[in-house]
Protein backbone atom coordinates (compact mmCIF):
# COMPACT_ATOMS: atom_id res chain seq x y z
CA MET A 1 123.60 60.92 66.44
CA ALA A 2 120.86 61.36 68.42
CA ALA A 3 119.64 64.87 69.43
CA PRO A 4 120.04 65.75 73.23
CA ARG A 5 116.57 65.86 75.34
CA THR A 6 115.36 68.88 76.29
CA PRO A 7 114.93 69.21 79.85
CA ASN A 8 111.45 69.20 81.56
CA THR A 9 110.17 72.59 81.90
CA THR A 10 106.81 71.96 83.19
CA ARG A 11 105.36 75.14 84.32
CA LYS A 12 104.36 74.75 88.00
CA VAL A 13 100.85 76.37 89.46
CA LEU A 14 101.05 78.31 92.77
CA GLY A 15 104.95 77.19 93.70
CA ARG A 16 107.86 78.80 95.61
CA LEU A 17 107.78 82.76 95.36
CA SER A 18 111.03 84.31 94.42
CA LEU A 19 112.64 85.83 97.73
CA PRO A 20 111.90 89.52 97.46
CA GLU A 21 108.51 88.77 95.81
CA ARG A 22 107.47 86.77 99.45
CA THR A 23 108.86 89.30 101.48
CA PHE A 24 106.97 92.06 99.95
CA VAL A 25 103.71 89.71 100.31
CA ALA A 26 104.66 89.01 103.91
CA ASP A 27 104.79 92.25 104.92
CA ALA A 28 101.57 93.36 102.96
CA LEU A 29 99.51 90.46 104.61
CA ARG A 30 100.96 91.32 108.00
CA THR A 31 99.68 94.93 107.70
CA GLU A 32 96.38 93.59 105.97
CA THR A 33 96.19 90.80 108.86
CA VAL A 34 95.50 93.52 111.83
CA GLY A 35 93.60 95.36 109.54
CA GLY A 36 91.37 92.46 109.21
CA VAL A 37 91.49 91.90 113.03
CA LEU A 38 90.28 95.82 113.39
CA LEU A 39 87.80 95.12 110.53
CA LEU A 40 85.93 92.47 112.49
CA VAL A 41 86.18 94.39 115.50
CA ALA A 42 84.33 97.10 113.88
CA THR A 43 81.60 95.04 112.53
CA VAL A 44 80.79 93.38 115.67
CA THR A 45 80.77 96.93 116.89
CA ALA A 46 78.40 98.28 114.61
CA LEU A 47 75.97 95.30 115.06
CA VAL A 48 75.77 96.01 118.63
CA TRP A 49 75.27 99.41 118.54
CA ALA A 50 72.26 99.17 115.66
CA ASN A 51 70.76 96.37 117.31
CA VAL A 52 70.76 97.66 121.27
CA PRO A 53 67.48 99.06 122.01
CA ALA A 54 69.26 101.90 124.22
CA LEU A 55 72.06 102.55 121.83
CA GLN A 56 70.15 102.37 118.39
CA HIS A 57 69.06 105.77 118.00
CA SER A 58 72.26 107.15 118.70
CA TYR A 59 74.03 105.13 115.91
CA GLU A 60 71.38 106.50 113.49
CA ALA A 61 71.90 110.01 114.74
CA VAL A 62 75.91 109.57 114.29
CA SER A 63 75.52 108.09 110.33
CA ASP A 64 73.00 110.19 109.52
CA PHE A 65 75.19 113.64 111.00
CA HIS A 66 76.13 116.27 108.15
CA PHE A 67 78.68 118.04 107.78
CA GLY A 68 81.34 119.60 104.99
CA PRO A 69 80.89 122.68 102.58
CA SER A 70 77.59 122.94 101.31
CA PRO A 71 78.87 125.13 98.02
CA LEU A 72 81.08 122.90 97.31
CA GLY A 73 78.75 119.73 96.97
CA LEU A 74 80.47 118.57 100.03
CA ASN A 75 77.91 118.51 102.82
CA LEU A 76 77.66 114.84 103.42
CA SER A 77 76.72 112.33 106.19
CA VAL A 78 79.19 110.53 108.07
CA ALA A 79 78.50 107.10 106.80
CA HIS A 80 78.51 109.10 102.74
CA TRP A 81 81.86 110.53 104.04
CA ALA A 82 83.22 106.93 105.28
CA ALA A 83 81.75 105.18 102.02
CA ASP A 84 83.38 107.81 99.59
CA GLY A 85 86.00 109.27 101.40
CA LEU A 86 87.97 107.19 103.30
CA LEU A 87 87.38 104.13 101.04
CA ALA A 88 89.40 106.25 98.48
CA VAL A 89 92.42 105.73 100.50
CA PHE A 90 91.74 101.78 100.34
CA PHE A 91 91.22 101.91 96.48
CA PHE A 92 94.78 104.60 96.31
CA VAL A 93 96.00 101.39 98.02
CA ALA A 94 94.96 99.10 95.59
CA GLY A 95 96.16 100.91 92.99
CA ILE A 96 99.80 100.85 94.29
CA GLU A 97 99.17 97.49 94.62
CA LEU A 98 98.17 96.69 91.08
CA LYS A 99 100.73 99.11 89.39
CA ARG A 100 103.67 96.93 91.23
CA GLU A 101 102.19 93.52 90.57
CA LEU A 102 101.76 94.72 86.42
CA VAL A 103 105.56 95.78 86.64
CA ALA A 104 107.48 94.25 89.11
CA GLY A 105 105.00 91.44 90.87
CA ASP A 106 104.20 88.22 89.53
CA LEU A 107 101.83 89.84 86.85
CA ARG A 108 104.51 91.42 84.84
CA ASP A 109 104.84 87.82 83.38
CA PRO A 110 102.41 87.37 80.98
CA ARG A 111 101.82 83.47 81.96
CA ALA A 112 101.85 83.97 85.71
CA ALA A 113 99.23 86.60 85.33
CA VAL A 114 96.77 84.28 83.53
CA LEU A 115 96.17 82.20 86.75
CA PRO A 116 94.91 84.70 88.77
CA VAL A 117 93.41 87.22 86.38
CA VAL A 118 91.11 84.49 85.05
CA ALA A 119 90.53 83.01 88.41
CA ALA A 120 89.62 86.82 89.47
CA LEU A 121 87.25 87.31 86.27
CA CYS A 122 85.47 83.72 86.86
CA GLY A 123 85.43 84.41 90.25
CA MET A 124 83.04 87.49 89.62
CA ALA A 125 81.12 86.38 86.52
CA VAL A 126 80.21 83.17 88.20
CA PRO A 127 78.40 84.96 91.23
CA ALA A 128 76.92 87.55 89.17
CA LEU A 129 75.41 84.54 87.17
CA VAL A 130 73.99 82.80 90.29
CA TYR A 131 72.39 85.67 91.44
CA THR A 132 70.92 86.77 88.34
CA PHE A 133 69.35 83.12 88.10
CA THR A 134 68.33 83.06 91.40
CA ASN A 135 66.37 86.22 90.97
CA LEU A 136 65.16 85.25 87.53
CA THR A 137 63.64 82.11 88.83
CA GLY A 138 62.48 84.17 92.08
CA HIS A 139 61.18 87.17 90.53
CA GLY A 140 63.52 89.36 92.42
CA SER A 141 65.30 92.19 91.43
CA THR A 142 68.30 92.07 88.86
CA GLN A 143 69.88 95.28 90.60
CA GLY A 144 72.12 93.45 92.99
CA TRP A 145 74.13 91.42 90.28
CA ALA A 146 77.26 92.73 91.37
CA VAL A 147 77.35 92.76 95.05
CA PRO A 148 78.63 88.96 95.47
CA THR A 149 81.34 89.67 92.82
CA ALA A 150 83.88 91.13 95.29
CA THR A 151 86.35 89.38 97.86
CA ASP A 152 87.53 91.23 100.67
CA ILE A 153 91.05 90.62 101.51
CA ALA A 154 91.36 91.96 104.77
CA PHE A 155 88.35 90.08 105.86
CA ALA A 156 89.91 86.97 104.29
CA LEU A 157 93.61 87.50 106.13
CA ALA A 158 91.46 87.84 109.64
CA VAL A 159 90.52 84.64 109.00
CA LEU A 160 93.52 83.12 108.66
CA ALA A 161 95.05 85.24 111.55
CA VAL A 162 92.69 83.23 113.83
CA ILE A 163 93.04 80.00 112.38
CA GLY A 164 96.40 79.97 111.95
CA THR A 165 99.41 81.53 110.06
CA SER A 166 100.73 78.56 108.54
CA LEU A 167 99.35 78.93 105.05
CA PRO A 168 101.87 78.71 102.34
CA SER A 169 103.60 81.78 100.93
CA ALA A 170 102.41 80.77 97.28
CA LEU A 171 98.70 80.58 98.53
CA ARG A 172 98.77 83.65 100.44
CA ALA A 173 100.36 85.01 97.42
CA PHE A 174 97.71 84.05 95.22
CA LEU A 175 94.79 85.23 97.54
CA LEU A 176 96.28 88.64 97.55
CA THR A 177 96.87 89.42 93.83
CA LEU A 178 93.65 87.86 93.27
CA ALA A 179 91.75 90.42 95.55
CA VAL A 180 93.90 93.08 93.86
CA VAL A 181 92.65 91.97 90.22
CA ASP A 182 88.92 91.60 91.94
CA ASP A 183 89.35 95.16 93.07
CA LEU A 184 90.01 96.52 89.89
CA PHE A 185 86.88 94.86 88.31
CA ALA A 186 85.29 95.96 91.17
CA ILE A 187 86.26 99.56 90.52
CA LEU A 188 85.14 99.08 86.84
CA ILE A 189 81.79 97.94 87.70
CA ILE A 190 81.45 101.03 90.09
CA ALA A 191 82.48 103.37 87.39
CA ILE A 192 80.25 102.05 84.55
CA PHE A 193 77.21 100.44 86.12
CA PHE A 194 76.52 102.86 88.89
CA THR A 195 77.26 106.55 87.46
CA GLU A 196 73.71 107.76 86.97
CA ARG A 197 74.39 111.30 85.73
CA ILE A 198 77.91 113.09 84.54
CA ASN A 199 78.90 116.60 85.36
CA PHE A 200 81.29 116.85 82.33
CA ALA A 201 82.78 119.97 83.29
CA ALA A 202 83.47 118.49 86.81
CA LEU A 203 84.93 115.34 85.34
CA GLY A 204 87.19 117.28 83.05
CA GLY A 205 88.47 119.01 86.07
CA ALA A 206 89.26 115.91 87.51
CA VAL A 207 91.00 114.76 84.59
CA ALA A 208 93.07 117.91 84.51
CA GLY A 209 93.86 117.40 88.00
CA LEU A 210 94.88 113.91 87.19
CA ALA A 211 97.33 115.19 84.42
CA VAL A 212 99.02 117.66 86.94
CA PHE A 213 99.51 114.85 89.78
CA TRP A 214 101.21 113.06 86.85
CA LEU A 215 103.29 115.66 85.73
CA LEU A 216 104.60 116.55 88.89
CA LEU A 217 105.30 113.06 89.49
CA ARG A 218 107.40 112.69 86.07
CA LYS A 219 109.08 115.89 87.32
CA GLY A 220 110.29 114.08 90.43
CA VAL A 221 108.61 117.29 92.63
CA ARG A 222 108.35 115.74 96.21
CA GLY A 223 106.48 117.24 99.25
CA TRP A 224 103.04 115.66 100.72
CA TYR A 225 102.14 119.45 100.91
CA VAL A 226 102.00 119.22 97.50
CA TYR A 227 100.06 115.95 96.43
CA LEU A 228 97.72 116.02 99.45
CA PRO A 229 95.77 119.21 98.41
CA LEU A 230 95.98 118.46 95.01
CA ALA A 231 94.43 114.83 95.71
CA VAL A 232 91.54 116.16 97.98
CA VAL A 233 91.12 118.68 94.51
CA VAL A 234 90.87 115.75 92.35
CA TRP A 235 88.73 113.96 94.94
CA ALA A 236 86.21 116.20 95.10
CA LEU A 237 85.74 117.23 91.39
CA MET A 238 85.42 113.42 90.85
CA TYR A 239 82.60 113.57 93.61
CA ASN A 240 80.86 116.08 92.27
CA SER A 241 81.44 114.59 88.31
CA GLY A 242 78.59 111.51 89.37
CA VAL A 243 81.31 108.97 88.85
CA HIS A 244 82.41 107.22 92.17
CA ALA A 245 84.72 109.09 94.15
CA THR A 246 86.81 106.13 94.83
CA ILE A 247 87.84 106.26 90.92
CA ALA A 248 90.09 108.90 91.58
CA GLY A 249 92.45 106.99 94.26
CA VAL A 250 92.73 104.25 92.45
CA ALA A 251 93.65 106.22 89.68
CA MET A 252 96.30 108.02 91.31
CA GLY A 253 97.92 105.12 92.66
CA LEU A 254 98.26 103.75 89.20
CA MET A 255 99.96 106.90 88.50
CA LEU A 256 103.02 106.09 91.05
CA ARG A 257 106.08 104.68 89.94
CA CYS A 258 106.73 100.99 91.36
CA THR A 259 110.28 100.24 89.66
CA THR A 260 113.44 101.30 91.45
CA ARG A 261 115.99 103.30 89.99
CA GLU A 262 119.65 103.45 90.89
CA GLY A 263 120.74 104.37 94.21
CA GLU A 264 116.88 103.61 95.36
CA GLU A 265 116.27 100.73 97.39
CA HIS A 266 112.58 101.38 97.35
CA SER A 267 110.37 102.86 94.42
CA PRO A 268 108.12 105.95 95.16
CA GLY A 269 105.31 103.85 94.88
CA GLU A 270 106.60 100.93 97.72
CA HIS A 271 107.52 104.03 100.10
CA ILE A 272 104.43 105.40 99.63
CA GLU A 273 102.14 102.33 99.74
CA HIS A 274 104.26 101.38 103.66
CA LEU A 275 103.26 104.95 104.64
CA VAL A 276 99.42 104.80 103.36
CA ARG A 277 98.38 100.79 104.10
CA PRO A 278 97.96 100.97 107.63
CA LEU A 279 95.92 104.13 107.57
CA SER A 280 94.21 102.16 104.70
CA ALA A 281 93.41 99.04 106.85
CA GLY A 282 93.91 100.41 110.14
CA LEU A 283 91.38 103.41 109.88
CA ALA A 284 89.78 103.97 106.54
CA VAL A 285 88.18 100.22 106.06
CA PRO A 286 87.68 99.81 109.71
CA LEU A 287 85.48 103.09 110.08
CA PHE A 288 83.67 102.39 106.67
CA ALA A 289 82.62 99.06 108.09
CA LEU A 290 81.74 100.80 111.28
CA PHE A 291 79.06 102.91 109.35
CA SER A 292 77.96 100.47 107.02
CA ALA A 293 77.44 97.29 108.73
CA GLY A 294 75.04 98.44 111.93
CA VAL A 295 71.92 96.67 110.27
CA ALA A 296 69.13 95.13 112.21
CA VAL A 297 69.66 91.37 113.47
CA SER A 298 66.83 89.47 114.40
CA GLY A 299 65.62 85.63 113.57
CA GLY A 300 62.93 86.82 111.25
CA ALA A 301 65.44 88.94 109.40
CA LEU A 302 67.91 86.18 109.09
CA GLY A 303 65.28 83.83 107.78
CA ASP A 304 64.28 86.35 105.01
CA VAL A 305 68.29 86.15 103.87
CA PHE A 306 67.35 82.85 102.63
CA THR A 307 63.80 83.02 101.55
CA GLU A 308 63.74 86.48 99.10
CA PRO A 309 65.48 86.27 96.17
CA GLU A 310 67.43 89.17 96.66
CA THR A 311 69.22 88.20 99.61
CA LEU A 312 68.82 84.35 98.89
CA GLY A 313 71.05 85.25 95.70
CA VAL A 314 73.96 87.23 97.55
CA VAL A 315 74.62 84.35 99.77
CA LEU A 316 74.82 81.48 96.99
CA GLY A 317 76.69 84.19 94.99
CA LEU A 318 79.40 84.58 97.73
CA VAL A 319 79.71 80.88 99.06
CA VAL A 320 78.80 78.74 95.94
CA GLY A 321 79.78 81.05 93.12
CA LYS A 322 82.99 82.64 94.14
CA THR A 323 84.25 78.93 95.32
CA LEU A 324 83.24 77.25 92.05
CA GLY A 325 84.45 80.13 89.77
CA ILE A 326 87.98 80.41 91.49
CA PHE A 327 88.35 76.54 91.45
CA ALA A 328 86.99 75.50 88.38
CA SER A 329 89.04 78.34 86.68
CA THR A 330 92.15 77.43 88.27
CA TRP A 331 92.10 74.18 87.35
CA LEU A 332 90.92 74.50 83.95
CA THR A 333 93.67 77.05 83.24
CA ALA A 334 96.33 74.46 84.51
CA ARG A 335 94.83 71.93 82.70
CA PHE A 336 94.76 73.41 79.17
CA THR A 337 97.99 75.17 79.51
CA HIS A 338 99.55 72.05 80.57
CA ALA A 339 100.81 73.44 83.88
CA GLU A 340 101.10 70.73 86.95
CA LEU A 341 100.23 72.01 90.75
CA SER A 342 103.54 72.39 92.63
CA GLU A 343 104.39 69.30 94.27
CA ASP A 344 104.03 70.67 98.37
CA LEU A 345 99.96 71.90 97.02
CA GLU A 346 96.83 69.57 96.65
CA TRP A 347 93.75 70.35 94.86
CA ALA A 348 91.88 70.37 98.04
CA ASP A 349 94.16 73.38 99.15
CA ILE A 350 92.71 75.48 95.75
CA PHE A 351 89.15 74.69 96.91
CA ALA A 352 89.96 75.95 100.16
CA VAL A 353 91.15 79.39 99.15
CA ALA A 354 88.38 79.53 96.67
CA SER A 355 85.96 79.28 99.36
CA LEU A 356 87.88 81.50 101.83
CA SER A 357 87.16 84.17 98.62
CA GLY A 358 83.66 84.01 99.16
CA ILE A 359 84.19 86.57 102.30
CA GLY A 360 83.27 89.62 100.42
CA PHE A 361 82.83 92.82 102.73
CA THR A 362 83.73 95.99 102.27
CA VAL A 363 83.22 96.28 98.62
CA SER A 364 80.10 93.96 98.32
CA LEU A 365 78.53 96.56 100.99
CA LEU A 366 79.64 99.60 98.99
CA ILE A 367 78.21 98.01 95.78
CA GLY A 368 74.83 97.31 97.73
CA GLU A 369 74.40 100.81 98.84
CA LEU A 370 75.14 102.11 95.05
CA ALA A 371 72.60 99.02 93.84
CA PHE A 372 69.72 99.68 95.77
CA ALA A 373 70.12 103.67 96.54
CA GLY A 374 66.55 104.98 97.91
CA ASN A 375 65.28 101.27 98.92
CA THR A 376 66.38 101.41 102.73
CA LEU A 377 64.76 98.51 103.46
CA LEU A 378 66.46 96.29 100.97
CA THR A 379 69.53 97.93 101.35
CA ASP A 380 69.77 96.63 104.57
CA GLU A 381 68.46 93.17 103.71
CA VAL A 382 71.36 92.91 101.28
CA LYS A 383 73.78 94.01 103.96
CA ALA A 384 72.72 91.15 106.28
CA ALA A 385 72.93 88.90 103.03
CA VAL A 386 76.48 89.72 102.50
CA LEU A 387 77.39 89.62 106.23
CA THR A 388 75.81 85.70 106.21
CA GLY A 389 77.11 84.64 103.19
CA SER A 390 80.55 85.92 104.23
CA LEU A 391 80.11 84.02 107.69
CA ILE A 392 79.40 81.08 106.06
CA ALA A 393 82.24 81.37 103.71
CA ALA A 394 84.60 81.68 106.69
CA LEU A 395 83.19 79.02 108.37
CA CYS A 396 83.48 76.50 105.46
CA ALA A 397 87.02 77.55 104.62
CA THR A 398 88.12 77.33 108.43
CA VAL A 399 86.54 73.76 108.55
CA LEU A 400 88.97 72.84 105.23
CA LEU A 401 92.22 74.81 106.13
CA LYS A 402 91.97 73.24 109.65
CA ILE A 403 91.95 69.59 108.09
CA ARG A 404 95.43 70.54 106.34
CA ASN A 405 96.83 72.59 108.89
CA ALA A 406 99.33 70.16 110.14
CA ARG A 407 100.83 69.73 106.41
CA TYR A 408 101.09 73.56 106.15
CA ARG A 409 102.76 73.24 109.41
CA GLY A 410 105.67 71.46 107.56
CA LEU A 411 105.61 73.42 104.64
CA CYS A 412 105.89 76.90 106.91
CA GLU A 413 108.70 75.06 108.68
CA ASP A 414 110.64 74.49 105.32
CA GLU A 415 110.16 77.96 103.91
CA GLU A 416 111.49 79.32 107.03
CA ARG A 417 114.31 76.98 107.82
CA ASP A 418 117.83 79.09 107.79
CA GLU A 419 120.64 76.68 109.33
CA ASP A 420 123.60 78.55 108.25
CA LEU A 421 122.07 81.54 110.29
CA ASP A 422 122.75 84.28 106.73
CA GLY A 423 119.42 85.47 107.30
CA ILE A 424 118.04 84.20 103.99
CA PRO A 425 115.96 81.03 104.06
CA ASP A 426 117.67 77.86 103.08
CA VAL A 427 115.17 76.90 100.05
CA TYR A 428 116.38 80.05 98.50
CA GLU A 429 119.78 78.82 98.57
CA GLN A 430 119.74 75.63 96.90
CA ASP A 431 121.64 76.60 93.68
CA ASP A 432 124.30 78.94 95.37
CA PRO A 433 127.68 76.69 96.15
CA ALA A 434 128.64 79.33 98.45
CA TYR A 435 125.76 77.86 100.60
CA HIS A 436 127.14 74.28 100.37
CA LEU A 437 130.23 75.06 101.19
CA ARG A 438 128.94 77.03 104.80
CA MET A 439 126.75 73.95 105.30
CA ALA A 440 129.78 71.47 105.08
CA ASP A 441 131.67 73.72 107.15
CA ILE A 442 128.58 73.73 109.76
CA PHE A 443 128.73 70.04 109.54
CA GLU A 444 132.27 69.68 109.99
CA ARG A 445 132.70 71.56 112.91
CA LYS A 446 129.63 69.62 114.73
CA ALA A 447 131.29 66.18 113.35
CA ALA A 448 134.30 67.29 114.80
CA GLU A 449 132.43 68.11 118.07
CA HIS A 450 131.11 64.84 118.32
CA ARG A 451 133.88 62.90 117.51
CA ARG A 452 135.64 64.83 120.63
CA ILE A 453 132.56 63.96 123.00
CA ALA A 454 132.89 60.18 121.78
CA ALA A 455 136.86 59.91 122.47
CA GLU A 456 135.98 61.74 125.96
CA GLN A 457 133.43 59.27 126.75
CA ALA A 458 135.38 56.20 125.30
CA ALA A 459 138.39 57.64 127.70
CA ALA A 460 136.25 57.65 130.73
CA ALA A 461 134.81 54.35 130.25
CA ARG A 462 138.46 52.93 129.64
CA HIS A 463 139.50 54.71 132.83
CA GLY A 464 136.71 53.56 134.79
CA GLY A 465 137.03 49.92 133.94
CA ALA A 466 140.86 50.09 134.71
CA GLU A 467 140.08 51.01 138.10
CA VAL A 468 137.09 48.74 138.97
CA PRO A 469 137.73 45.66 136.77
CA GLY A 470 134.69 43.49 135.93
CA GLY A 471 132.45 46.77 137.02
CA ALA A 472 132.10 45.31 140.37
CA GLY A 473 132.91 46.94 143.80
CA GLU A 474 132.54 45.04 147.16
CA GLU A 475 133.15 41.70 147.85
CA ASP A 476 129.62 40.18 147.69
CA GLY A 477 129.75 41.16 144.16
CA ARG A 478 127.34 43.79 144.04
CA PRO A 479 127.96 46.53 141.31
CA ALA A 480 130.26 49.47 143.02
């Protein structure tokens, strides 16, 4: 007797999300989308403020205004506070996101984690190689190799908010997870390659503070008045250690527990992320953009973006390197793991999202400042290149996504349909017998209503026919 055949369990690439994951992604992206719009407004404001002759000096004066306690080494400019202080909040949220993905999200399954991790790594390596090759052949500086490696999720989602919100949840989740992993490696790049000096006493104090932070979390101590002052102390020590201060933010985010225990509806990490994310997306990142994106823009300056090897390397890295790195790695991963793309999607969709990942803003601007510290002219040129490359990537992604927008609307409607009105989309209840019994009851009631209407209309027709036989009324045979 032949052995029974095993069912085909081919793994799907970017298949439909689970309902809890879909809900989390929707909530996260809603906040990030609003933050992305604010980020866009802040960027335009910075460019106007820095380029209008009557306002130019005031922008420089505000950006360079110093405040803070000098004895603690924290007498910093406003622009410096935005880059080192406010972005620590952004990286704190990124740390929580990463921790949640590792323990409760898609990344906890090694098979599911392979795709976004490989895509993020290749989406950073290929732009770095493109930048390096451009500068080696053009005799430019290779110091900025890391500038085009970052993806700005808030700006990318702002573009999605403008061109439509019908992108399938699987693609949105892929973009979000890709950006979270991207942020992690960007943090490692900053910590490893842009730390020139280390004050081991301050670094030891920061590590001790992080240990206290972890112990308090383990003991279940609650109260913002305990953790907020401790976080500020850890941040200040990390800043004075020479390691970029944003590392303190991601370290504390990774320490939070992101799994639920009995009696908990949400984990502490999810609860704190829900509270802090609006502060990060709505205040910290837009203020950083306001004091970082204010570069002089002119016809000559924009022309230099495509002629200088450093700036051309950034533009090509974002537009070409990001797209090719993410798309090719995703296709190769699916090819060699014998996975199939979800039947709802096409590879053109992956290419469009890969091009959208070329929007590198917040972290790219930060790395540009670190890579060319001391060279104000080149720093401003690289910032202009980041803005130019991000704009080109956004326009390319807009065209590609618009082509598929009608298809996306159909997929979105399928994901949102809830005919039994129980608050759960029908696509998530196809394996639940109770759902099919509810739908049978609904259709039976509809059928009974249609039979009643048909009977009434038939009775009315018979009654009318008896009263006016032959359908005529007057003697001349005209219709009654």
